[in-house]
N, C-alpha and C. Protein backbone atom coordinates (compact mmCIF):
# COMPACT_ATOMS: atom_id res chain seq x y z
N UNK A 1 -4.25 -0.33 -17.61
CA UNK A 1 -3.78 -1.00 -16.40
C UNK A 1 -4.89 -1.89 -15.85
N UNK A 2 -4.55 -3.14 -15.59
CA UNK A 2 -5.56 -4.08 -15.09
C UNK A 2 -5.77 -3.92 -13.58
N UNK A 3 -6.92 -4.38 -13.14
CA UNK A 3 -7.25 -4.30 -11.72
C UNK A 3 -6.39 -5.28 -10.92
N UNK A 4 -6.12 -4.93 -9.70
CA UNK A 4 -5.34 -5.77 -8.81
C UNK A 4 -6.23 -6.88 -8.24
N UNK A 5 -5.62 -7.93 -7.69
CA UNK A 5 -6.37 -8.98 -7.02
C UNK A 5 -6.75 -8.51 -5.62
N UNK A 6 -7.83 -9.07 -5.10
CA UNK A 6 -8.31 -8.66 -3.78
C UNK A 6 -8.28 -9.82 -2.79
N UNK A 7 -8.03 -9.46 -1.54
CA UNK A 7 -8.09 -10.40 -0.43
C UNK A 7 -8.67 -9.61 0.74
N UNK A 8 -9.18 -10.30 1.73
CA UNK A 8 -9.74 -9.61 2.90
C UNK A 8 -9.45 -10.41 4.15
N UNK A 9 -9.16 -9.70 5.23
CA UNK A 9 -8.93 -10.36 6.51
C UNK A 9 -10.27 -10.68 7.17
N UNK A 10 -10.29 -11.67 8.07
CA UNK A 10 -11.55 -12.04 8.74
C UNK A 10 -12.24 -10.88 9.44
N UNK A 11 -11.48 -9.99 10.04
CA UNK A 11 -12.06 -8.82 10.73
C UNK A 11 -12.87 -7.98 9.74
N UNK A 12 -12.30 -7.76 8.57
CA UNK A 12 -12.98 -6.98 7.54
C UNK A 12 -14.27 -7.68 7.12
N UNK A 13 -14.20 -8.97 6.88
CA UNK A 13 -15.39 -9.73 6.44
C UNK A 13 -16.50 -9.69 7.48
N UNK A 14 -16.14 -9.81 8.76
CA UNK A 14 -17.16 -9.77 9.82
C UNK A 14 -17.86 -8.42 9.86
N UNK A 15 -17.08 -7.35 9.79
CA UNK A 15 -17.66 -6.01 9.86
C UNK A 15 -18.48 -5.69 8.62
N UNK A 16 -18.02 -6.14 7.47
CA UNK A 16 -18.72 -5.90 6.22
C UNK A 16 -20.10 -6.58 6.24
N UNK A 17 -20.13 -7.78 6.79
CA UNK A 17 -21.37 -8.55 6.83
C UNK A 17 -22.47 -7.83 7.62
N UNK A 18 -22.07 -7.04 8.61
CA UNK A 18 -23.03 -6.36 9.48
C UNK A 18 -23.55 -5.03 8.91
N UNK A 19 -22.97 -4.58 7.81
CA UNK A 19 -23.38 -3.29 7.23
C UNK A 19 -24.74 -3.39 6.54
N UNK A 20 -25.50 -2.29 6.54
CA UNK A 20 -26.78 -2.28 5.81
C UNK A 20 -26.53 -2.40 4.30
N UNK A 21 -27.50 -2.91 3.54
CA UNK A 21 -27.32 -3.11 2.09
C UNK A 21 -26.92 -1.83 1.34
N UNK A 22 -27.46 -0.69 1.72
CA UNK A 22 -27.13 0.56 1.02
C UNK A 22 -25.65 0.90 1.20
N UNK A 23 -25.12 0.67 2.39
CA UNK A 23 -23.70 0.95 2.65
C UNK A 23 -22.83 -0.06 1.90
N UNK A 24 -23.27 -1.32 1.85
CA UNK A 24 -22.50 -2.34 1.13
C UNK A 24 -22.36 -2.00 -0.35
N UNK A 25 -23.43 -1.45 -0.95
CA UNK A 25 -23.37 -1.08 -2.37
C UNK A 25 -22.31 0.00 -2.60
N UNK A 26 -22.28 0.99 -1.73
CA UNK A 26 -21.29 2.06 -1.86
C UNK A 26 -19.89 1.51 -1.59
N UNK A 27 -19.78 0.62 -0.62
CA UNK A 27 -18.50 -0.01 -0.31
C UNK A 27 -17.98 -0.81 -1.51
N UNK A 28 -18.87 -1.53 -2.20
CA UNK A 28 -18.47 -2.28 -3.39
C UNK A 28 -17.86 -1.35 -4.44
N UNK A 29 -18.48 -0.19 -4.63
CA UNK A 29 -17.95 0.80 -5.57
C UNK A 29 -16.56 1.27 -5.14
N UNK A 30 -16.41 1.54 -3.84
CA UNK A 30 -15.12 2.00 -3.33
C UNK A 30 -14.05 0.92 -3.50
N UNK A 31 -14.42 -0.33 -3.27
CA UNK A 31 -13.46 -1.43 -3.44
C UNK A 31 -13.01 -1.51 -4.90
N UNK A 32 -13.95 -1.37 -5.83
CA UNK A 32 -13.59 -1.41 -7.25
C UNK A 32 -12.63 -0.27 -7.60
N UNK A 33 -12.88 0.91 -7.04
CA UNK A 33 -11.99 2.05 -7.29
C UNK A 33 -10.59 1.79 -6.74
N UNK A 34 -10.52 1.19 -5.56
CA UNK A 34 -9.21 0.88 -4.95
C UNK A 34 -8.48 -0.17 -5.79
N UNK A 35 -9.19 -1.18 -6.27
CA UNK A 35 -8.56 -2.22 -7.09
C UNK A 35 -8.08 -1.66 -8.42
N UNK A 36 -8.75 -0.65 -8.94
CA UNK A 36 -8.32 -0.02 -10.19
C UNK A 36 -7.13 0.91 -9.97
N UNK A 37 -7.09 1.59 -8.80
CA UNK A 37 -6.00 2.53 -8.48
C UNK A 37 -5.73 2.48 -6.98
N UNK A 38 -4.87 1.56 -6.53
CA UNK A 38 -4.62 1.38 -5.10
C UNK A 38 -4.03 2.61 -4.41
N UNK A 39 -3.36 3.47 -5.17
CA UNK A 39 -2.68 4.60 -4.56
C UNK A 39 -3.58 5.83 -4.40
N UNK A 40 -4.88 5.66 -4.59
CA UNK A 40 -5.80 6.78 -4.44
C UNK A 40 -6.06 7.10 -2.97
N UNK A 41 -5.79 6.17 -2.09
CA UNK A 41 -6.01 6.38 -0.66
C UNK A 41 -4.88 7.19 -0.04
N UNK A 42 -5.00 7.40 1.24
CA UNK A 42 -3.99 8.14 2.00
C UNK A 42 -3.16 7.13 2.79
N UNK A 43 -1.84 7.20 2.60
CA UNK A 43 -0.96 6.29 3.34
C UNK A 43 -0.78 6.81 4.75
N UNK A 44 -0.92 5.93 5.72
CA UNK A 44 -0.77 6.30 7.12
C UNK A 44 0.70 6.32 7.51
N UNK A 45 0.97 6.86 8.68
CA UNK A 45 2.35 6.97 9.17
C UNK A 45 2.49 6.21 10.49
N UNK A 46 3.71 6.08 10.95
CA UNK A 46 3.97 5.46 12.25
C UNK A 46 3.67 3.97 12.25
N UNK A 47 2.94 3.53 13.26
CA UNK A 47 2.64 2.11 13.43
C UNK A 47 1.78 1.56 12.28
N UNK A 48 1.07 2.44 11.60
CA UNK A 48 0.20 2.01 10.50
C UNK A 48 0.82 2.36 9.13
N UNK A 49 2.13 2.39 9.05
CA UNK A 49 2.81 2.83 7.83
C UNK A 49 2.50 1.97 6.60
N UNK A 50 2.12 0.72 6.80
CA UNK A 50 1.82 -0.16 5.66
C UNK A 50 0.35 -0.10 5.26
N UNK A 51 -0.43 0.71 5.94
CA UNK A 51 -1.88 0.77 5.71
C UNK A 51 -2.24 2.03 4.93
N UNK A 52 -3.17 1.87 4.01
CA UNK A 52 -3.74 2.98 3.24
C UNK A 52 -5.21 3.08 3.62
N UNK A 53 -5.76 4.29 3.61
CA UNK A 53 -7.16 4.49 3.99
C UNK A 53 -7.87 5.37 2.97
N UNK A 54 -9.06 4.94 2.58
CA UNK A 54 -9.94 5.73 1.73
C UNK A 54 -11.16 6.09 2.57
N UNK A 55 -11.55 7.36 2.53
CA UNK A 55 -12.75 7.80 3.24
C UNK A 55 -13.87 7.98 2.23
N UNK A 56 -15.07 7.57 2.62
CA UNK A 56 -16.22 7.77 1.74
C UNK A 56 -17.47 8.02 2.58
N UNK A 57 -18.40 8.72 1.98
CA UNK A 57 -19.63 9.08 2.68
C UNK A 57 -20.79 8.23 2.20
N UNK A 58 -21.66 7.90 3.13
CA UNK A 58 -22.92 7.25 2.82
C UNK A 58 -23.98 8.01 3.60
N UNK A 59 -24.92 8.57 2.91
CA UNK A 59 -25.96 9.40 3.53
C UNK A 59 -25.31 10.43 4.44
N UNK A 60 -25.45 10.33 5.74
CA UNK A 60 -24.86 11.31 6.66
C UNK A 60 -23.65 10.75 7.41
N UNK A 61 -23.21 9.56 7.07
CA UNK A 61 -22.11 8.91 7.78
C UNK A 61 -20.86 8.88 6.92
N UNK A 62 -19.70 8.96 7.59
CA UNK A 62 -18.44 8.80 6.89
C UNK A 62 -17.82 7.47 7.33
N UNK A 63 -17.37 6.69 6.35
CA UNK A 63 -16.73 5.42 6.63
C UNK A 63 -15.29 5.46 6.16
N UNK A 64 -14.46 4.64 6.78
CA UNK A 64 -13.06 4.51 6.41
C UNK A 64 -12.82 3.06 5.99
N UNK A 65 -12.10 2.90 4.89
CA UNK A 65 -11.76 1.60 4.35
C UNK A 65 -10.24 1.47 4.40
N UNK A 66 -9.75 0.55 5.20
CA UNK A 66 -8.30 0.36 5.37
C UNK A 66 -7.83 -0.85 4.57
N UNK A 67 -6.70 -0.69 3.90
CA UNK A 67 -6.17 -1.78 3.09
C UNK A 67 -4.64 -1.69 3.00
N UNK A 68 -4.04 -2.79 2.60
CA UNK A 68 -2.60 -2.85 2.41
C UNK A 68 -2.32 -3.24 0.96
N UNK A 69 -1.20 -2.76 0.45
CA UNK A 69 -0.81 -3.02 -0.94
C UNK A 69 0.40 -3.94 -0.96
N UNK A 70 0.30 -5.04 -1.72
CA UNK A 70 1.44 -5.93 -1.97
C UNK A 70 1.78 -5.78 -3.45
N UNK A 71 2.77 -4.94 -3.73
CA UNK A 71 3.11 -4.62 -5.12
C UNK A 71 3.63 -5.83 -5.89
N UNK A 72 4.41 -6.68 -5.23
CA UNK A 72 4.98 -7.85 -5.90
C UNK A 72 3.90 -8.79 -6.41
N UNK A 73 2.92 -9.07 -5.56
CA UNK A 73 1.84 -9.99 -5.93
C UNK A 73 0.67 -9.28 -6.60
N UNK A 74 0.75 -7.95 -6.72
CA UNK A 74 -0.36 -7.13 -7.23
C UNK A 74 -1.65 -7.48 -6.50
N UNK A 75 -1.56 -7.47 -5.17
CA UNK A 75 -2.67 -7.87 -4.30
C UNK A 75 -3.01 -6.74 -3.34
N UNK A 76 -4.30 -6.49 -3.20
CA UNK A 76 -4.82 -5.55 -2.21
C UNK A 76 -5.48 -6.38 -1.11
N UNK A 77 -5.07 -6.17 0.13
CA UNK A 77 -5.70 -6.86 1.26
C UNK A 77 -6.49 -5.84 2.05
N UNK A 78 -7.80 -6.05 2.08
CA UNK A 78 -8.67 -5.16 2.85
C UNK A 78 -8.61 -5.56 4.32
N UNK A 79 -8.26 -4.58 5.16
CA UNK A 79 -8.03 -4.83 6.59
C UNK A 79 -9.24 -4.54 7.44
N UNK A 80 -9.89 -3.41 7.19
CA UNK A 80 -10.96 -3.00 8.10
C UNK A 80 -11.89 -2.01 7.40
N UNK A 81 -13.09 -1.93 7.92
CA UNK A 81 -14.09 -0.95 7.48
C UNK A 81 -14.79 -0.46 8.73
N UNK A 82 -15.03 0.83 8.81
CA UNK A 82 -15.72 1.34 9.99
C UNK A 82 -15.84 2.84 9.97
N UNK A 83 -16.49 3.36 11.01
CA UNK A 83 -16.62 4.80 11.15
C UNK A 83 -15.42 5.32 11.92
N UNK A 84 -15.26 6.63 11.94
CA UNK A 84 -14.01 7.23 12.40
C UNK A 84 -13.71 7.02 13.88
N UNK A 85 -14.72 6.98 14.72
CA UNK A 85 -14.48 6.91 16.16
C UNK A 85 -13.65 5.68 16.54
N UNK A 86 -12.46 5.93 17.07
CA UNK A 86 -11.52 4.89 17.53
C UNK A 86 -11.03 3.97 16.41
N UNK A 87 -11.27 4.32 15.17
CA UNK A 87 -10.91 3.45 14.04
C UNK A 87 -9.41 3.18 14.00
N UNK A 88 -8.61 4.26 14.04
CA UNK A 88 -7.16 4.10 13.93
C UNK A 88 -6.57 3.42 15.16
N UNK A 89 -7.09 3.73 16.33
CA UNK A 89 -6.60 3.10 17.56
C UNK A 89 -6.85 1.59 17.50
N UNK A 90 -8.08 1.20 17.13
CA UNK A 90 -8.41 -0.22 17.06
C UNK A 90 -7.62 -0.93 15.96
N UNK A 91 -7.43 -0.25 14.85
CA UNK A 91 -6.68 -0.84 13.74
C UNK A 91 -5.22 -1.06 14.14
N UNK A 92 -4.65 -0.10 14.86
CA UNK A 92 -3.27 -0.25 15.31
C UNK A 92 -3.13 -1.45 16.25
N UNK A 93 -4.09 -1.62 17.16
CA UNK A 93 -4.05 -2.78 18.06
C UNK A 93 -4.17 -4.08 17.27
N UNK A 94 -5.01 -4.07 16.25
CA UNK A 94 -5.21 -5.27 15.41
C UNK A 94 -3.93 -5.61 14.64
N UNK A 95 -3.23 -4.60 14.12
CA UNK A 95 -2.01 -4.87 13.37
C UNK A 95 -0.91 -5.44 14.28
N UNK A 96 -0.89 -5.01 15.52
CA UNK A 96 0.11 -5.53 16.46
C UNK A 96 -0.13 -7.00 16.76
N UNK A 97 -1.39 -7.42 16.72
CA UNK A 97 -1.74 -8.80 17.01
C UNK A 97 -1.54 -9.74 15.83
N UNK A 98 -1.23 -9.21 14.67
CA UNK A 98 -1.07 -10.04 13.47
C UNK A 98 0.38 -10.36 13.23
């Protein structure tokens, strides 16, 4: 099975840019894993029903990577990256604005 195509929203790109290099390296690995198998994440419910989330650890921190799957176009759109505090609340507000 070939890897899916990737896209990213501006919010994701801004937050990614601010991450330390060590976290970016781990994030790159996680992105590759998602592109190889998009269904490895956990699908959210309710207002975030179209969003999938993968959790990963870096040193002592846990990060969440949110993405959406477009099966027709075989495209993964990365929505957000961040730590757990208020992550889902902020992501829900962001999805309402799109």
